[in-house]
Amino acid sequence: MMDKLASIGFYTLRDERARTSSVSSPLHRCELLLTSRCNFNCPYCRKRAGPDIDQSLASAIVLAWMNEGLKNIRFSGGEPTLYKPIFDLIYIARRGRAEHIAISTNGSASQETYEHLLTAGVNDFSVSLDACCSATGDTMSGVQGHWKQVIQNIQFLAARTYTTVGIVLTDANVREARETILLAESLGVSDIRIIPAAQVASVLPSLDLPKSLLGKYPILKYRISSYRPVRGLFPCDNPRCPLVLDDMAMDENGFHYPCIIYMRERGSPIGQFNGDIRQVRDDRLRWSEEHDCFSDPICKGNCLDVCIAYNNRWRELRT
């Protein structure tokens, strides 16, 4: 299962990782929230209020991650392109030889900004694409007049590096999901991720997509053909979350969480980074050993299918 996941773009979810992960193994995937500011007002977004992360704190976190052998780093927000010192953080990650430097963006920045990010070393973009037309695009972004620019930027990035689009489904856009997927294909994207918003049912609608398209986009195919809902644990699933051993999300105050979803759903942090990354990893080991995911409504109801698959595989390989 993990080899299959690895081959479709989930580049950290491999059997070898599950066999060897510990608080001493290299970090595999970390996400840093740079700012809560955003020029969009998406109705499904779990909005946060707070200052931008202090540049010295952000630099210390990224450097600490690099010293732990971090392979894949993602900068998110809010809208991370609004955070001006992002280029300094990209430099630290690039100097630390991160394999993937990723940005999650709403796609509304200037093309010049994205060109600068590419030049700086970003090689993975995740862009929100929640509509197939400007009217719905304005509804889903909560602002007017950005849809055309987002489309142009997706096409620009997709021609230059690994670029996926994320389609969050709500009652407002679910009827256009198929057309939005076909639009994404026409823009030349590397893959397509669809996911129901946390506020709606976690079962995907029937989309009747051509087999040729599913063959082209393995992440999309995985999600479309999955036997389970996108979110939520089954009774047979691993009640522990070993994913946290070498994977983490941090907010603008240096608090670290089991994952980005847990943070956005306003779960309690595991702890706070105080300059000692070893303490952070020890705290995460303790949380993994003691935390019952079935007793936690965020984990039980919102854990993603791929994360569940990894945690289950971890258990299989360790027993």
Protein backbone atom coordinates (compact mmCIF):
# COMPACT_ATOMS: atom_id res chain seq x y z
CA MET A 1 0.00 0.00 0.00
CA MET A 2 2.69 2.50 0.92
CA ASP A 3 4.64 1.87 -2.25
CA LYS A 4 1.44 2.62 -4.14
CA LEU A 5 0.98 5.84 -2.23
CA ALA A 6 4.56 6.85 -2.84
CA SER A 7 4.15 6.32 -6.56
CA ILE A 8 1.18 8.69 -6.80
CA GLY A 9 2.77 11.75 -5.31
CA PHE A 10 2.55 11.18 -1.58
CA TYR A 11 6.31 11.15 -1.61
CA THR A 12 6.84 10.58 2.10
CA LEU A 13 4.39 7.71 2.69
CA ARG A 14 6.55 4.67 1.96
CA ASP A 15 6.99 1.26 3.56
CA GLU A 16 10.61 2.08 4.36
CA ARG A 17 9.53 5.15 6.28
CA ALA A 18 6.93 3.18 8.22
CA ARG A 19 9.52 0.53 9.12
CA THR A 20 12.13 2.98 10.39
CA SER A 21 10.30 6.09 11.63
CA SER A 22 11.22 7.27 15.11
CA VAL A 23 12.09 10.48 16.90
CA SER A 24 15.67 9.91 15.74
CA SER A 25 14.99 9.30 12.06
CA PRO A 26 15.09 12.21 9.60
CA LEU A 27 12.04 14.43 9.49
CA HIS A 28 10.03 13.76 6.37
CA ARG A 29 7.38 16.41 6.00
CA CYS A 30 6.85 19.62 7.97
CA GLU A 31 4.50 22.53 7.41
CA LEU A 32 4.94 26.03 8.76
CA LEU A 33 2.08 28.53 8.91
CA LEU A 34 3.63 31.92 8.16
CA THR A 35 0.64 34.22 8.45
CA SER A 36 -3.06 34.21 9.18
CA ARG A 37 -3.56 37.07 6.73
CA CYS A 38 -5.34 36.27 3.49
CA ASN A 39 -6.79 38.37 0.72
CA PHE A 40 -9.54 35.76 0.20
CA ASN A 41 -12.47 35.00 2.46
CA CYS A 42 -13.30 31.40 1.54
CA PRO A 43 -16.50 30.29 3.28
CA TYR A 44 -15.13 26.88 4.29
CA CYS A 45 -11.85 28.19 5.70
CA ARG A 46 -11.17 27.67 9.40
CA LYS A 47 -10.08 31.26 9.87
CA ARG A 48 -7.40 32.08 12.42
CA ALA A 49 -6.50 35.42 13.96
CA GLY A 50 -2.95 36.27 14.86
CA PRO A 51 0.23 38.06 13.85
CA ASP A 52 2.68 36.95 11.21
CA ILE A 53 5.34 34.62 12.52
CA ASP A 54 8.41 36.51 13.72
CA GLN A 55 11.13 36.13 11.12
CA SER A 56 13.75 35.06 13.65
CA LEU A 57 11.42 32.38 15.03
CA ALA A 58 10.56 31.15 11.54
CA SER A 59 14.23 30.99 10.60
CA ALA A 60 15.08 29.09 13.80
CA ILE A 61 12.31 26.56 13.13
CA VAL A 62 13.31 25.94 9.52
CA LEU A 63 16.98 25.65 10.46
CA ALA A 64 16.14 23.21 13.26
CA TRP A 65 14.10 21.13 10.83
CA MET A 66 16.94 21.11 8.31
CA ASN A 67 19.34 19.96 11.01
CA GLU A 68 16.99 17.02 11.57
CA GLY A 69 17.37 16.00 7.93
CA LEU A 70 13.99 17.34 6.76
CA LYS A 71 13.18 16.15 3.26
CA ASN A 72 9.96 18.04 2.43
CA ILE A 73 8.87 21.44 3.71
CA ARG A 74 5.65 23.33 3.03
CA PHE A 75 4.90 26.99 3.72
CA SER A 76 1.24 27.88 4.19
CA GLY A 77 -1.09 30.39 5.78
CA GLY A 78 -3.37 32.34 5.41
CA GLU A 79 -1.80 33.28 2.13
CA PRO A 80 1.98 32.73 2.44
CA THR A 81 2.87 34.98 -0.49
CA LEU A 82 1.82 37.92 1.71
CA TYR A 83 4.70 37.11 4.08
CA LYS A 84 7.65 39.06 2.72
CA PRO A 85 10.50 37.17 4.50
CA ILE A 86 9.41 33.92 2.85
CA PHE A 87 12.38 34.14 0.49
CA ASP A 88 14.82 33.98 3.42
CA LEU A 89 13.11 30.81 4.65
CA ILE A 90 13.25 29.27 1.18
CA TYR A 91 16.97 30.01 1.13
CA ILE A 92 17.49 28.18 4.44
CA ALA A 93 15.51 25.20 3.17
CA ARG A 94 17.40 25.16 -0.12
CA ARG A 95 20.75 25.42 1.65
CA GLY A 96 19.63 22.57 3.90
CA ARG A 97 19.05 20.46 0.78
CA ALA A 98 15.32 19.95 1.20
CA GLU A 99 14.11 17.80 -1.67
CA HIS A 100 10.72 19.49 -1.97
CA ILE A 101 10.04 23.11 -1.07
CA ALA A 102 6.31 23.62 -1.36
CA ILE A 103 3.92 26.56 -1.20
CA SER A 104 0.16 26.35 -0.58
CA THR A 105 -1.37 29.41 -2.23
CA ASN A 106 -4.70 30.73 -3.40
CA GLY A 107 -3.07 31.62 -6.71
CA SER A 108 -3.87 35.32 -6.58
CA ALA A 109 -0.35 36.78 -6.31
CA SER A 110 1.29 38.42 -9.29
CA GLN A 111 2.98 36.23 -11.87
CA GLU A 112 6.20 38.04 -11.00
CA THR A 113 5.89 36.85 -7.39
CA TYR A 114 5.52 33.24 -8.50
CA GLU A 115 8.44 33.65 -10.89
CA HIS A 116 10.58 34.85 -7.97
CA LEU A 117 9.46 31.89 -5.85
CA LEU A 118 10.44 29.49 -8.62
CA THR A 119 13.83 31.14 -8.96
CA ALA A 120 14.35 31.02 -5.20
CA GLY A 121 13.88 27.24 -5.20
CA VAL A 122 10.20 26.41 -4.75
CA ASN A 123 9.51 23.26 -6.77
CA ASP A 124 6.02 22.29 -5.56
CA PHE A 125 2.91 24.48 -5.70
CA SER A 126 -0.51 23.61 -4.37
CA VAL A 127 -3.11 26.04 -5.68
CA SER A 128 -6.76 26.30 -4.68
CA LEU A 129 -9.18 25.83 -7.56
CA ASP A 130 -12.71 25.58 -6.23
CA ALA A 131 -14.72 26.54 -9.32
CA CYS A 132 -14.99 26.12 -13.08
CA CYS A 133 -16.32 29.61 -13.74
CA SER A 134 -15.78 33.12 -12.46
CA ALA A 135 -19.18 33.47 -10.76
CA THR A 136 -18.68 30.42 -8.56
CA GLY A 137 -15.03 31.34 -8.17
CA ASP A 138 -16.02 34.66 -6.64
CA THR A 139 -18.42 32.86 -4.29
CA MET A 140 -15.84 30.32 -3.18
CA SER A 141 -13.07 32.88 -2.66
CA GLY A 142 -15.34 35.38 -0.95
CA VAL A 143 -13.96 38.20 -3.09
CA GLN A 144 -14.59 39.54 -6.57
CA GLY A 145 -12.47 39.53 -9.68
CA HIS A 146 -9.57 37.17 -8.94
CA TRP A 147 -10.69 34.01 -10.75
CA LYS A 148 -9.11 34.80 -14.12
CA GLN A 149 -5.77 35.64 -12.52
CA VAL A 150 -5.82 32.39 -10.54
CA ILE A 151 -6.44 30.41 -13.73
CA GLN A 152 -3.58 32.17 -15.51
CA ASN A 153 -1.21 31.56 -12.61
CA ILE A 154 -2.06 27.86 -12.42
CA GLN A 155 -1.28 27.51 -16.12
CA PHE A 156 1.94 29.49 -15.69
CA LEU A 157 3.16 27.36 -12.76
CA ALA A 158 2.04 24.04 -14.22
CA ALA A 159 4.25 24.66 -17.25
CA ARG A 160 7.30 25.12 -15.03
CA THR A 161 7.17 22.79 -12.03
CA TYR A 162 5.13 20.24 -10.10
CA THR A 163 1.78 21.94 -9.57
CA THR A 164 -1.35 20.42 -8.12
CA VAL A 165 -4.73 21.97 -7.55
CA GLY A 166 -6.87 21.41 -4.50
CA ILE A 167 -10.63 21.40 -4.99
CA VAL A 168 -12.56 21.78 -1.73
CA LEU A 169 -16.16 20.72 -2.20
CA THR A 170 -19.09 22.42 -0.50
CA ASP A 171 -22.80 22.71 -1.27
CA ALA A 172 -21.97 25.81 -3.33
CA ASN A 173 -19.67 24.11 -5.86
CA VAL A 174 -20.20 20.35 -5.67
CA ARG A 175 -22.44 20.32 -8.76
CA GLU A 176 -19.55 21.80 -10.77
CA ALA A 177 -16.93 19.39 -9.45
CA ARG A 178 -16.61 17.43 -12.69
CA GLU A 179 -16.26 20.59 -14.79
CA THR A 180 -13.70 21.98 -12.37
CA ILE A 181 -11.62 18.82 -12.68
CA LEU A 182 -11.78 19.03 -16.47
CA LEU A 183 -10.72 22.67 -16.30
CA ALA A 184 -7.73 21.72 -14.14
CA GLU A 185 -6.73 19.13 -16.75
CA SER A 186 -6.84 21.77 -19.48
CA LEU A 187 -4.43 23.94 -17.46
CA GLY A 188 -1.76 21.24 -17.52
CA VAL A 189 -1.58 20.52 -13.78
CA SER A 190 0.49 17.65 -12.39
CA ASP A 191 -2.35 16.21 -10.32
CA ILE A 192 -5.71 17.01 -8.77
CA ARG A 193 -6.75 16.67 -5.15
CA ILE A 194 -10.43 16.74 -4.25
CA ILE A 195 -11.68 16.83 -0.69
CA PRO A 196 -14.99 17.66 0.96
CA ALA A 197 -14.87 20.62 3.34
CA ALA A 198 -14.77 19.65 6.99
CA GLN A 199 -18.26 21.10 7.44
CA VAL A 200 -19.90 18.73 4.93
CA ALA A 201 -20.20 14.97 4.40
CA SER A 202 -16.86 13.25 3.79
CA VAL A 203 -18.16 11.01 0.99
CA LEU A 204 -17.26 12.20 -2.50
CA PRO A 205 -20.00 12.63 -5.10
CA SER A 206 -20.21 10.43 -8.17
CA LEU A 207 -18.24 12.23 -10.88
CA ASP A 208 -18.29 9.86 -13.87
CA LEU A 209 -14.78 10.82 -14.97
CA PRO A 210 -13.14 9.34 -18.08
CA LYS A 211 -10.75 6.46 -17.38
CA SER A 212 -8.09 8.24 -19.41
CA LEU A 213 -8.19 11.17 -16.99
CA LEU A 214 -7.90 8.93 -13.94
CA GLY A 215 -4.94 7.23 -15.54
CA LYS A 216 -3.31 10.61 -15.96
CA TYR A 217 -3.82 11.77 -12.37
CA PRO A 218 -2.91 9.11 -9.81
CA ILE A 219 -3.78 11.18 -6.72
CA LEU A 220 -7.22 11.84 -8.14
CA LYS A 221 -7.62 8.17 -9.03
CA TYR A 222 -6.63 7.08 -5.54
CA ARG A 223 -9.24 9.29 -3.95
CA ILE A 224 -12.00 8.52 -6.45
CA SER A 225 -11.48 4.74 -6.19
CA SER A 226 -10.98 4.57 -2.43
CA TYR A 227 -13.27 2.23 -0.55
CA ARG A 228 -13.61 4.65 2.34
CA PRO A 229 -14.70 8.25 2.93
CA VAL A 230 -11.98 10.88 2.59
CA ARG A 231 -12.17 11.78 6.28
CA GLY A 232 -12.68 9.77 9.43
CA LEU A 233 -11.55 6.61 11.22
CA PHE A 234 -13.08 3.15 10.98
CA PRO A 235 -13.14 0.90 14.08
CA CYS A 236 -10.44 -1.30 12.53
CA ASP A 237 -7.99 1.60 12.10
CA ASN A 238 -4.92 2.26 14.21
CA PRO A 239 -5.92 4.21 17.35
CA ARG A 240 -2.41 5.69 17.48
CA CYS A 241 -0.85 8.26 15.16
CA PRO A 242 2.80 7.34 14.50
CA LEU A 243 2.79 9.85 11.63
CA VAL A 244 3.66 12.55 14.19
CA LEU A 245 7.05 10.99 14.89
CA ASP A 246 8.68 12.52 11.81
CA ASP A 247 5.99 14.83 10.48
CA MET A 248 4.68 18.05 12.03
CA ALA A 249 2.83 21.32 11.60
CA MET A 250 3.75 24.54 13.41
CA ASP A 251 1.82 27.77 13.71
CA GLU A 252 2.99 31.37 13.80
CA ASN A 253 3.70 31.16 17.55
CA GLY A 254 5.84 28.05 17.32
CA PHE A 255 3.17 25.72 18.70
CA HIS A 256 3.38 22.31 17.07
CA TYR A 257 0.37 20.12 16.27
CA PRO A 258 -0.17 16.53 15.15
CA CYS A 259 -1.01 17.74 11.65
CA ILE A 260 -2.24 20.79 9.76
CA ILE A 261 -5.86 19.65 9.96
CA TYR A 262 -5.64 19.32 13.74
CA MET A 263 -4.30 22.85 13.91
CA ARG A 264 -6.97 24.30 11.62
CA GLU A 265 -9.72 22.53 13.56
CA ARG A 266 -8.39 24.32 16.66
CA GLY A 267 -7.15 21.28 18.50
CA SER A 268 -4.73 21.75 21.37
CA PRO A 269 -1.04 21.83 20.43
CA ILE A 270 1.28 19.07 21.50
CA GLY A 271 3.80 21.63 22.70
CA GLN A 272 5.81 24.68 21.69
CA PHE A 273 9.17 25.08 20.01
CA ASN A 274 11.59 26.83 22.37
CA GLY A 275 14.75 26.30 20.38
CA ASP A 276 15.16 22.63 21.30
CA ILE A 277 13.96 20.43 18.45
CA ARG A 278 14.84 17.30 20.41
CA GLN A 279 12.32 18.30 23.08
CA VAL A 280 9.73 18.83 20.37
CA ARG A 281 10.29 15.36 19.00
CA ASP A 282 10.22 13.77 22.45
CA ASP A 283 6.91 15.52 23.13
CA ARG A 284 5.54 14.10 19.91
CA LEU A 285 6.67 10.59 20.81
CA ARG A 286 4.87 10.87 24.13
CA TRP A 287 1.73 12.16 22.43
CA SER A 288 1.80 9.30 19.91
CA GLU A 289 2.13 6.71 22.65
CA GLU A 290 -0.55 8.16 24.92
CA HIS A 291 -3.13 9.71 22.60
CA ASP A 292 -6.24 7.69 21.68
CA CYS A 293 -7.38 8.99 18.30
CA PHE A 294 -10.82 7.42 18.71
CA SER A 295 -11.41 9.50 21.83
CA ASP A 296 -10.47 12.70 20.01
CA PRO A 297 -13.31 14.04 17.83
CA ILE A 298 -10.89 15.86 15.52
CA CYS A 299 -8.87 12.73 14.80
CA LYS A 300 -11.89 10.45 14.66
CA GLY A 301 -13.89 12.63 12.30
CA ASN A 302 -11.26 14.46 10.23
CA CYS A 303 -8.19 12.27 9.75
CA LEU A 304 -7.49 11.90 6.02
CA ASP A 305 -7.54 8.61 4.13
CA VAL A 306 -3.83 8.71 3.20
CA CYS A 307 -2.74 9.43 6.78
CA ILE A 308 -4.93 6.60 8.05
CA ALA A 309 -3.42 4.27 5.44
CA TYR A 310 0.07 5.16 6.63
CA ASN A 311 -0.75 4.70 10.32
CA ASN A 312 -2.36 1.34 9.60
CA ARG A 313 0.64 0.24 7.56
CA TRP A 314 2.98 1.36 10.35
CA ARG A 315 1.09 -0.91 12.73
CA GLU A 316 1.21 -3.84 10.30
CA LEU A 317 4.96 -3.55 9.89
CA ARG A 318 5.59 -3.24 13.64
CA THR A 319 3.51 -6.25 14.76
